[in-house]
Amino acid sequence: MLKVDGVEKAYRKGGFFSKEKEQVLAGISFECGHGECLGIIGESGSGKSTLGRLLLGIEQPDRGSVLFEGESVTKRRGRNGRISAVFQDYTSSINPFYTVEAALMEPLRMMGMGKKEADSKLDFLLAQVGLDSTYRSKHPHELSGGQAQRVCIARAIATEPKCIVLDEAISSLDGSVQMQVLELLKDLRNTYRMGYIFITHDLQAAAYLCDRVMIVRSGRVEETVSVEQLGNVQSAYAKKLLQTVML
C-alpha cells in the first residue's frame, strides 16, 4: 500500500540564504501493507514528524520517493481521499471559526457528496467517535481536548481512507483520555479495515495499537520489529529505549 524508498530531507540552517544544511532524514526505506498499523517511534528531533509530512505530501523529499498504491503522494490523485491525518495539536487542527458541523462537512463536500447525504453521514461520523448530534453546533473552544481530537478523527475517517497518518495524536491528552482514544482507533481500524501510520514517542501506546514498530534515530531507521518481538530488539539504542519505558 505505502512504499517509501531512499527518502532524504535536509533544511537550511541560519536562514534562507545560508548554504549550510541540516540533514533530517537519510536513506529512509520501508513498506506498510493494507490494513497494517506501523508505529514510527523516535525521540524529539529524530525526524519522525518530518517523515509524517512527507508521507502526507505536505512536503517533498530531496531524494527518494513516497508511493501510495503506486502513485506518488506528491500528486493530488495519489493521496486525495485515500490518506488522511490526525495531528497532535487539535486546537489548531480545526478552524476556530468553524462549528463541528462545518469542519466535518468540508471533506464530505470535497468528495462531491450532496448536502442531504452529507448531513446524514455527519451524525453517523459523530456517533462513530462517541459524540452525539448536539456537538454539531459547538465550536472548538467549547470542546475538551478529548472531544476535539474525536472530531479530528471523525474528519479523518469521513472520506473512508485506506490509511491515516497519526502524528503524536494522543500525546497532548490526559492519560485516561489517551486510553479512550487508543480504544477508539482500534475499533475504527477494525470497522474500516484501514491502516495506520502511528507516529509517537510513546512506545507503550505503539505496542498497544500497532503490528510493527520502526525505531528512528537521527533521521535513520535504527530497527524494525513486530510488536511480539519487541523484547528481542538487537540494536543498543532500541534496547535502551525499551529499558527506559519499563522503568
C-alpha atoms as a PDB file:
ATOM      1  CA  MET A   1       0.000   0.000   0.000  1.00  0.00           C
ATOM      2  CA  LEU A   2       2.633   2.530   1.140  1.00  0.00           C
ATOM      3  CA  LYS A   3       6.195   2.316  -0.125  1.00  0.00           C
ATOM      4  CA  VAL A   4       8.968   4.664   0.986  1.00  0.00           C
ATOM      5  CA  ASP A   5      12.226   4.283  -0.918  1.00  0.00           C
ATOM      6  CA  GLY A   6      15.521   6.021  -0.095  1.00  0.00           C
ATOM      7  CA  VAL A   7      13.928   9.194   1.258  1.00  0.00           C
ATOM      8  CA  GLU A   8      16.199  12.052   2.300  1.00  0.00           C
ATOM      9  CA  LYS A   9      15.363  15.519   3.590  1.00  0.00           C
ATOM     10  CA  ALA A  10      17.525  18.455   4.689  1.00  0.00           C
ATOM     11  CA  TYR A  11      16.724  22.026   5.757  1.00  0.00           C
ATOM     12  CA  ARG A  12      18.802  25.174   5.563  1.00  0.00           C
ATOM     13  CA  LYS A  13      20.343  26.335   8.820  1.00  0.00           C
ATOM     14  CA  GLY A  14      20.530  30.005   9.694  1.00  0.00           C
ATOM     15  CA  GLY A  15      18.072  31.447   7.194  1.00  0.00           C
ATOM     16  CA  PHE A  16      17.071  31.245   3.560  1.00  0.00           C
ATOM     17  CA  PHE A  17      20.392  32.451   2.168  1.00  0.00           C
ATOM     18  CA  SER A  18      22.509  30.115   4.258  1.00  0.00           C
ATOM     19  CA  LYS A  19      24.371  27.379   2.374  1.00  0.00           C
ATOM     20  CA  GLU A  20      24.660  25.187   5.456  1.00  0.00           C
ATOM     21  CA  LYS A  21      22.093  22.407   5.705  1.00  0.00           C
ATOM     22  CA  GLU A  22      20.975  20.071   8.452  1.00  0.00           C
ATOM     23  CA  GLN A  23      20.223  16.523   7.339  1.00  0.00           C
ATOM     24  CA  VAL A  24      16.930  15.493   8.977  1.00  0.00           C
ATOM     25  CA  LEU A  25      16.210  12.225   7.135  1.00  0.00           C
ATOM     26  CA  ALA A  26      18.747   9.964   5.427  1.00  0.00           C
ATOM     27  CA  GLY A  27      18.032   6.859   3.374  1.00  0.00           C
ATOM     28  CA  ILE A  28      14.622   6.038   4.883  1.00  0.00           C
ATOM     29  CA  SER A  29      13.040   2.975   3.272  1.00  0.00           C
ATOM     30  CA  PHE A  30      10.083   0.870   4.428  1.00  0.00           C
ATOM     31  CA  GLU A  31       6.725  -0.509   3.361  1.00  0.00           C
ATOM     32  CA  CYS A  32       3.349  -0.670   5.071  1.00  0.00           C
ATOM     33  CA  GLY A  33       0.740  -3.148   3.845  1.00  0.00           C
ATOM     34  CA  HIS A  34      -3.028  -2.844   3.501  1.00  0.00           C
ATOM     35  CA  GLY A  35      -4.726  -2.658   6.896  1.00  0.00           C
ATOM     36  CA  GLU A  36      -1.415  -2.699   8.761  1.00  0.00           C
ATOM     37  CA  CYS A  37      -0.609  -0.422  11.684  1.00  0.00           C
ATOM     38  CA  LEU A  38       3.022   0.656  11.671  1.00  0.00           C
ATOM     39  CA  GLY A  39       4.379   2.571  14.632  1.00  0.00           C
ATOM     40  CA  ILE A  40       7.168   5.072  13.975  1.00  0.00           C
ATOM     41  CA  ILE A  41       8.996   5.635  17.246  1.00  0.00           C
ATOM     42  CA  GLY A  42      11.662   8.193  17.998  1.00  0.00           C
ATOM     43  CA  GLU A  43      12.818  10.813  20.425  1.00  0.00           C
ATOM     44  CA  SER A  44      12.307  14.536  19.790  1.00  0.00           C
ATOM     45  CA  GLY A  45      14.429  15.617  16.846  1.00  0.00           C
ATOM     46  CA  SER A  46      14.658  12.131  15.360  1.00  0.00           C
ATOM     47  CA  GLY A  47      12.891  13.242  12.164  1.00  0.00           C
ATOM     48  CA  LYS A  48       9.674  11.287  12.622  1.00  0.00           C
ATOM     49  CA  SER A  49       7.319  14.272  12.196  1.00  0.00           C
ATOM     50  CA  THR A  50       9.228  15.402   9.101  1.00  0.00           C
ATOM     51  CA  LEU A  51       8.698  11.896   7.746  1.00  0.00           C
ATOM     52  CA  GLY A  52       4.985  12.214   8.513  1.00  0.00           C
ATOM     53  CA  ARG A  53       4.745  15.394   6.425  1.00  0.00           C
ATOM     54  CA  LEU A  54       6.453  13.635   3.522  1.00  0.00           C
ATOM     55  CA  LEU A  55       4.033  10.703   3.778  1.00  0.00           C
ATOM     56  CA  LEU A  56       1.126  13.139   3.501  1.00  0.00           C
ATOM     57  CA  GLY A  57       2.620  15.041   0.567  1.00  0.00           C
ATOM     58  CA  ILE A  58       2.762  18.249   2.619  1.00  0.00           C
ATOM     59  CA  GLU A  59       6.472  18.410   1.830  1.00  0.00           C
ATOM     60  CA  GLN A  60       8.569  16.757  -0.860  1.00  0.00           C
ATOM     61  CA  PRO A  61      11.722  14.703  -0.233  1.00  0.00           C
ATOM     62  CA  ASP A  62      15.050  15.923  -1.567  1.00  0.00           C
ATOM     63  CA  ARG A  63      15.720  12.394  -2.788  1.00  0.00           C
ATOM     64  CA  GLY A  64      13.761   9.167  -2.907  1.00  0.00           C
ATOM     65  CA  SER A  65      10.060   8.530  -3.326  1.00  0.00           C
ATOM     66  CA  VAL A  66       6.870   8.018  -1.341  1.00  0.00           C
ATOM     67  CA  LEU A  67       4.297   5.937  -3.218  1.00  0.00           C
ATOM     68  CA  PHE A  68       0.766   5.073  -2.159  1.00  0.00           C
ATOM     69  CA  GLU A  69      -0.657   2.213  -4.227  1.00  0.00           C
ATOM     70  CA  GLY A  70       1.923   3.011  -6.904  1.00  0.00           C
ATOM     71  CA  GLU A  71       1.108   6.752  -7.115  1.00  0.00           C
ATOM     72  CA  SER A  72       3.381   9.468  -5.749  1.00  0.00           C
ATOM     73  CA  VAL A  73       1.825  11.252  -2.753  1.00  0.00           C
ATOM     74  CA  THR A  74       3.213  14.497  -4.157  1.00  0.00           C
ATOM     75  CA  LYS A  75       0.417  14.262  -6.745  1.00  0.00           C
ATOM     76  CA  ARG A  76      -3.057  15.069  -5.507  1.00  0.00           C
ATOM     77  CA  ARG A  77      -4.607  11.984  -7.076  1.00  0.00           C
ATOM     78  CA  GLY A  78      -2.054   9.870  -5.211  1.00  0.00           C
ATOM     79  CA  ARG A  79      -3.442  10.862  -1.832  1.00  0.00           C
ATOM     80  CA  ASN A  80      -6.857  12.558  -2.122  1.00  0.00           C
ATOM     81  CA  GLY A  81      -9.493  10.657  -0.185  1.00  0.00           C
ATOM     82  CA  ARG A  82      -7.091   7.773   0.389  1.00  0.00           C
ATOM     83  CA  ILE A  83      -4.738   9.178   3.030  1.00  0.00           C
ATOM     84  CA  SER A  84      -5.939  11.259   5.981  1.00  0.00           C
ATOM     85  CA  ALA A  85      -4.195  12.709   9.003  1.00  0.00           C
ATOM     86  CA  VAL A  86      -4.717  13.429  12.691  1.00  0.00           C
ATOM     87  CA  PHE A  87      -2.175  15.769  14.290  1.00  0.00           C
ATOM     88  CA  GLN A  88      -1.017  16.452  17.833  1.00  0.00           C
ATOM     89  CA  ASP A  89      -2.358  19.988  18.138  1.00  0.00           C
ATOM     90  CA  TYR A  90      -6.108  19.551  17.951  1.00  0.00           C
ATOM     91  CA  THR A  91      -6.566  23.228  18.962  1.00  0.00           C
ATOM     92  CA  SER A  92      -5.161  24.411  15.622  1.00  0.00           C
ATOM     93  CA  SER A  93      -6.356  21.453  13.540  1.00  0.00           C
ATOM     94  CA  ILE A  94      -9.906  22.831  13.414  1.00  0.00           C
ATOM     95  CA  ASN A  95     -10.634  26.351  12.163  1.00  0.00           C
ATOM     96  CA  PRO A  96     -11.663  28.227  15.367  1.00  0.00           C
ATOM     97  CA  PHE A  97     -14.481  29.941  13.464  1.00  0.00           C
ATOM     98  CA  TYR A  98     -15.918  26.630  12.260  1.00  0.00           C
ATOM     99  CA  THR A  99     -18.544  24.657  14.069  1.00  0.00           C
ATOM    100  CA  VAL A 100     -18.044  20.908  14.327  1.00  0.00           C
ATOM    101  CA  GLU A 101     -20.594  20.558  11.538  1.00  0.00           C
ATOM    102  CA  ALA A 102     -18.654  22.871   9.230  1.00  0.00           C
ATOM    103  CA  ALA A 103     -15.379  21.079   9.982  1.00  0.00           C
ATOM    104  CA  LEU A 104     -16.862  17.693   9.105  1.00  0.00           C
ATOM    105  CA  MET A 105     -18.747  18.945   6.073  1.00  0.00           C
ATOM    106  CA  GLU A 106     -15.531  20.142   4.430  1.00  0.00           C
ATOM    107  CA  PRO A 107     -14.104  16.706   3.449  1.00  0.00           C
ATOM    108  CA  LEU A 108     -17.569  15.394   2.544  1.00  0.00           C
ATOM    109  CA  ARG A 109     -18.132  18.250   0.099  1.00  0.00           C
ATOM    110  CA  MET A 110     -14.670  17.762  -1.370  1.00  0.00           C
ATOM    111  CA  MET A 111     -15.818  14.232  -2.202  1.00  0.00           C
ATOM    112  CA  GLY A 112     -18.728  15.733  -4.115  1.00  0.00           C
ATOM    113  CA  MET A 113     -21.338  14.497  -1.655  1.00  0.00           C
ATOM    114  CA  GLY A 114     -24.715  16.223  -1.799  1.00  0.00           C
ATOM    115  CA  LYS A 115     -25.975  18.238   1.169  1.00  0.00           C
ATOM    116  CA  LYS A 116     -28.666  15.762   2.190  1.00  0.00           C
ATOM    117  CA  GLU A 117     -26.345  12.761   2.059  1.00  0.00           C
ATOM    118  CA  ALA A 118     -23.540  14.657   3.816  1.00  0.00           C
ATOM    119  CA  ASP A 119     -25.912  15.830   6.535  1.00  0.00           C
ATOM    120  CA  SER A 120     -26.964  12.256   7.212  1.00  0.00           C
ATOM    121  CA  LYS A 121     -23.380  10.991   7.256  1.00  0.00           C
ATOM    122  CA  LEU A 122     -22.315  13.714   9.678  1.00  0.00           C
ATOM    123  CA  ASP A 123     -24.420  12.280  12.525  1.00  0.00           C
ATOM    124  CA  PHE A 124     -23.101   8.819  11.694  1.00  0.00           C
ATOM    125  CA  LEU A 125     -19.490  10.047  11.893  1.00  0.00           C
ATOM    126  CA  LEU A 126     -20.089  11.719  15.244  1.00  0.00           C
ATOM    127  CA  ALA A 127     -21.682   8.550  16.608  1.00  0.00           C
ATOM    128  CA  GLN A 128     -18.683   6.506  15.463  1.00  0.00           C
ATOM    129  CA  VAL A 129     -16.327   8.608  17.584  1.00  0.00           C
ATOM    130  CA  GLY A 130     -18.619   8.626  20.616  1.00  0.00           C
ATOM    131  CA  LEU A 131     -20.260  12.031  20.177  1.00  0.00           C
ATOM    132  CA  ASP A 132     -23.922  12.862  19.564  1.00  0.00           C
ATOM    133  CA  SER A 133     -25.637  15.329  17.253  1.00  0.00           C
ATOM    134  CA  THR A 134     -25.637  18.103  19.882  1.00  0.00           C
ATOM    135  CA  TYR A 135     -21.939  18.611  19.088  1.00  0.00           C
ATOM    136  CA  ARG A 136     -22.730  19.774  15.565  1.00  0.00           C
ATOM    137  CA  SER A 137     -23.218  23.394  16.668  1.00  0.00           C
ATOM    138  CA  LYS A 138     -20.217  23.570  19.011  1.00  0.00           C
ATOM    139  CA  HIS A 139     -17.026  25.483  18.260  1.00  0.00           C
ATOM    140  CA  PRO A 140     -13.531  24.155  19.078  1.00  0.00           C
ATOM    141  CA  HIS A 141     -13.179  26.291  22.223  1.00  0.00           C
ATOM    142  CA  GLU A 142     -16.306  24.621  23.635  1.00  0.00           C
ATOM    143  CA  LEU A 143     -14.755  21.140  23.421  1.00  0.00           C
ATOM    144  CA  SER A 144     -12.453  19.316  25.790  1.00  0.00           C
ATOM    145  CA  GLY A 145      -9.158  18.031  24.400  1.00  0.00           C
ATOM    146  CA  GLY A 146     -10.523  14.526  24.031  1.00  0.00           C
ATOM    147  CA  GLN A 147     -13.696  15.745  22.317  1.00  0.00           C
ATOM    148  CA  ALA A 148     -11.725  17.950  19.902  1.00  0.00           C
ATOM    149  CA  GLN A 149      -9.449  15.049  18.970  1.00  0.00           C
ATOM    150  CA  ARG A 150     -12.501  12.830  18.410  1.00  0.00           C
ATOM    151  CA  VAL A 151     -13.814  15.443  15.967  1.00  0.00           C
ATOM    152  CA  CYS A 152     -10.432  15.413  14.203  1.00  0.00           C
ATOM    153  CA  ILE A 153     -10.631  11.620  13.964  1.00  0.00           C
ATOM    154  CA  ALA A 154     -14.197  11.826  12.613  1.00  0.00           C
ATOM    155  CA  ARG A 155     -12.977  14.244   9.944  1.00  0.00           C
ATOM    156  CA  ALA A 156     -10.098  11.895   9.077  1.00  0.00           C
ATOM    157  CA  ILE A 157     -12.410   8.914   8.526  1.00  0.00           C
ATOM    158  CA  ALA A 158     -15.035  10.945   6.634  1.00  0.00           C
ATOM    159  CA  THR A 159     -13.549  10.000   3.250  1.00  0.00           C
ATOM    160  CA  GLU A 160     -13.157   6.364   4.339  1.00  0.00           C
ATOM    161  CA  PRO A 161      -9.411   6.444   3.655  1.00  0.00           C
ATOM    162  CA  LYS A 162      -7.208   3.391   3.296  1.00  0.00           C
ATOM    163  CA  CYS A 163      -4.590   4.882   5.612  1.00  0.00           C
ATOM    164  CA  ILE A 164      -4.452   7.506   8.376  1.00  0.00           C
ATOM    165  CA  VAL A 165      -1.223   9.153   9.497  1.00  0.00           C
ATOM    166  CA  LEU A 166      -1.480   9.847  13.233  1.00  0.00           C
ATOM    167  CA  ASP A 167       1.281  12.271  14.238  1.00  0.00           C
ATOM    168  CA  GLU A 168       1.553  12.326  18.064  1.00  0.00           C
ATOM    169  CA  ALA A 169      -2.264  12.204  18.042  1.00  0.00           C
ATOM    170  CA  ILE A 170      -2.614  11.276  21.724  1.00  0.00           C
ATOM    171  CA  SER A 171       0.418  12.960  23.300  1.00  0.00           C
ATOM    172  CA  SER A 172      -1.435  16.161  24.275  1.00  0.00           C
ATOM    173  CA  LEU A 173      -4.237  14.268  26.024  1.00  0.00           C
ATOM    174  CA  ASP A 174      -4.537  13.195  29.657  1.00  0.00           C
ATOM    175  CA  GLY A 175      -3.675   9.577  30.470  1.00  0.00           C
ATOM    176  CA  SER A 176      -7.220   8.244  30.788  1.00  0.00           C
ATOM    177  CA  VAL A 177      -8.320  10.084  27.640  1.00  0.00           C
ATOM    178  CA  GLN A 178      -5.310   8.684  25.772  1.00  0.00           C
ATOM    179  CA  MET A 179      -6.527   5.171  26.507  1.00  0.00           C
ATOM    180  CA  GLN A 180     -10.052   6.006  25.349  1.00  0.00           C
ATOM    181  CA  VAL A 181      -8.731   7.390  22.053  1.00  0.00           C
ATOM    182  CA  LEU A 182      -6.495   4.337  21.539  1.00  0.00           C
ATOM    183  CA  GLU A 183      -9.534   2.084  22.025  1.00  0.00           C
ATOM    184  CA  LEU A 184     -11.495   4.220  19.561  1.00  0.00           C
ATOM    185  CA  LEU A 185      -8.705   3.936  16.987  1.00  0.00           C
ATOM    186  CA  LYS A 186      -8.645   0.156  17.402  1.00  0.00           C
ATOM    187  CA  ASP A 187     -12.390  -0.064  16.844  1.00  0.00           C
ATOM    188  CA  LEU A 188     -12.318   2.206  13.777  1.00  0.00           C
ATOM    189  CA  ARG A 189      -9.454   0.261  12.254  1.00  0.00           C
ATOM    190  CA  ASN A 190     -11.495  -2.938  12.502  1.00  0.00           C
ATOM    191  CA  THR A 191     -14.606  -1.233  11.128  1.00  0.00           C
ATOM    192  CA  TYR A 192     -12.947   0.338   8.081  1.00  0.00           C
ATOM    193  CA  ARG A 193     -10.150  -2.219   7.562  1.00  0.00           C
ATOM    194  CA  MET A 194      -7.746   0.671   7.158  1.00  0.00           C
ATOM    195  CA  GLY A 195      -4.079   1.040   8.030  1.00  0.00           C
ATOM    196  CA  TYR A 196      -2.395   3.487  10.386  1.00  0.00           C
ATOM    197  CA  ILE A 197       0.993   5.143  10.453  1.00  0.00           C
ATOM    198  CA  PHE A 198       1.230   5.874  14.174  1.00  0.00           C
ATOM    199  CA  ILE A 199       3.994   8.408  14.816  1.00  0.00           C
ATOM    200  CA  THR A 200       4.823   8.745  18.504  1.00  0.00           C
ATOM    201  CA  HIS A 201       7.491   8.874  21.174  1.00  0.00           C
ATOM    202  CA  ASP A 202       5.302   6.612  23.356  1.00  0.00           C
ATOM    203  CA  LEU A 203       6.482   3.047  22.882  1.00  0.00           C
ATOM    204  CA  GLN A 204       3.767   1.621  25.139  1.00  0.00           C
ATOM    205  CA  ALA A 205       0.989   3.245  23.075  1.00  0.00           C
ATOM    206  CA  ALA A 206       2.589   1.945  19.887  1.00  0.00           C
ATOM    207  CA  ALA A 207       2.846  -1.563  21.319  1.00  0.00           C
ATOM    208  CA  TYR A 208      -0.850  -1.440  22.230  1.00  0.00           C
ATOM    209  CA  LEU A 209      -2.070  -0.293  18.813  1.00  0.00           C
ATOM    210  CA  CYS A 210       0.477  -1.395  16.225  1.00  0.00           C
ATOM    211  CA  ASP A 211       1.504  -4.571  14.387  1.00  0.00           C
ATOM    212  CA  ARG A 212       5.102  -3.468  13.813  1.00  0.00           C
ATOM    213  CA  VAL A 213       7.332  -0.761  15.228  1.00  0.00           C
ATOM    214  CA  MET A 214      10.004   1.129  13.280  1.00  0.00           C
ATOM    215  CA  ILE A 215      12.516   2.856  15.539  1.00  0.00           C
ATOM    216  CA  VAL A 216      14.010   6.046  14.087  1.00  0.00           C
ATOM    217  CA  ARG A 217      17.189   7.663  15.372  1.00  0.00           C
ATOM    218  CA  SER A 218      18.803  10.816  13.987  1.00  0.00           C
ATOM    219  CA  GLY A 219      16.883  10.556  10.731  1.00  0.00           C
ATOM    220  CA  ARG A 220      17.686   6.906  10.049  1.00  0.00           C
ATOM    221  CA  VAL A 221      15.850   3.636  10.588  1.00  0.00           C
ATOM    222  CA  GLU A 222      17.512   2.009  13.578  1.00  0.00           C
ATOM    223  CA  GLU A 223      15.429  -1.161  13.660  1.00  0.00           C
ATOM    224  CA  THR A 224      12.028  -2.516  12.624  1.00  0.00           C
ATOM    225  CA  VAL A 225      10.409  -5.265  14.649  1.00  0.00           C
ATOM    226  CA  SER A 226       6.984  -6.834  15.184  1.00  0.00           C
ATOM    227  CA  VAL A 227       5.268  -5.876  18.435  1.00  0.00           C
ATOM    228  CA  GLU A 228       5.501  -9.509  19.566  1.00  0.00           C
ATOM    229  CA  GLN A 229       9.292  -9.348  19.193  1.00  0.00           C
ATOM    230  CA  LEU A 230       9.855  -6.007  20.950  1.00  0.00           C
ATOM    231  CA  GLY A 231      11.613  -7.781  23.794  1.00  0.00           C
ATOM    232  CA  ASN A 232      14.164  -9.137  21.310  1.00  0.00           C
ATOM    233  CA  VAL A 233      15.378  -5.909  19.699  1.00  0.00           C
ATOM    234  CA  GLN A 234      19.007  -6.061  18.559  1.00  0.00           C
ATOM    235  CA  SER A 235      20.396  -2.511  18.491  1.00  0.00           C
ATOM    236  CA  ALA A 236      21.809  -0.935  21.662  1.00  0.00           C
ATOM    237  CA  TYR A 237      19.674   2.179  21.109  1.00  0.00           C
ATOM    238  CA  ALA A 238      16.442   0.153  20.838  1.00  0.00           C
ATOM    239  CA  LYS A 239      17.334  -1.798  23.980  1.00  0.00           C
ATOM    240  CA  LYS A 240      17.980   1.428  25.880  1.00  0.00           C
ATOM    241  CA  LEU A 241      14.654   2.839  24.674  1.00  0.00           C
ATOM    242  CA  LEU A 242      12.841  -0.258  25.914  1.00  0.00           C
ATOM    243  CA  GLN A 243      14.577  -0.139  29.291  1.00  0.00           C
ATOM    244  CA  THR A 244      13.541   3.491  29.739  1.00  0.00           C
ATOM    245  CA  VAL A 245       9.872   2.603  29.153  1.00  0.00           C
ATOM    246  CA  MET A 246       9.996  -0.369  31.505  1.00  0.00           C
ATOM    247  CA  LEU A 247      11.477   1.569  34.448  1.00  0.00           C
END
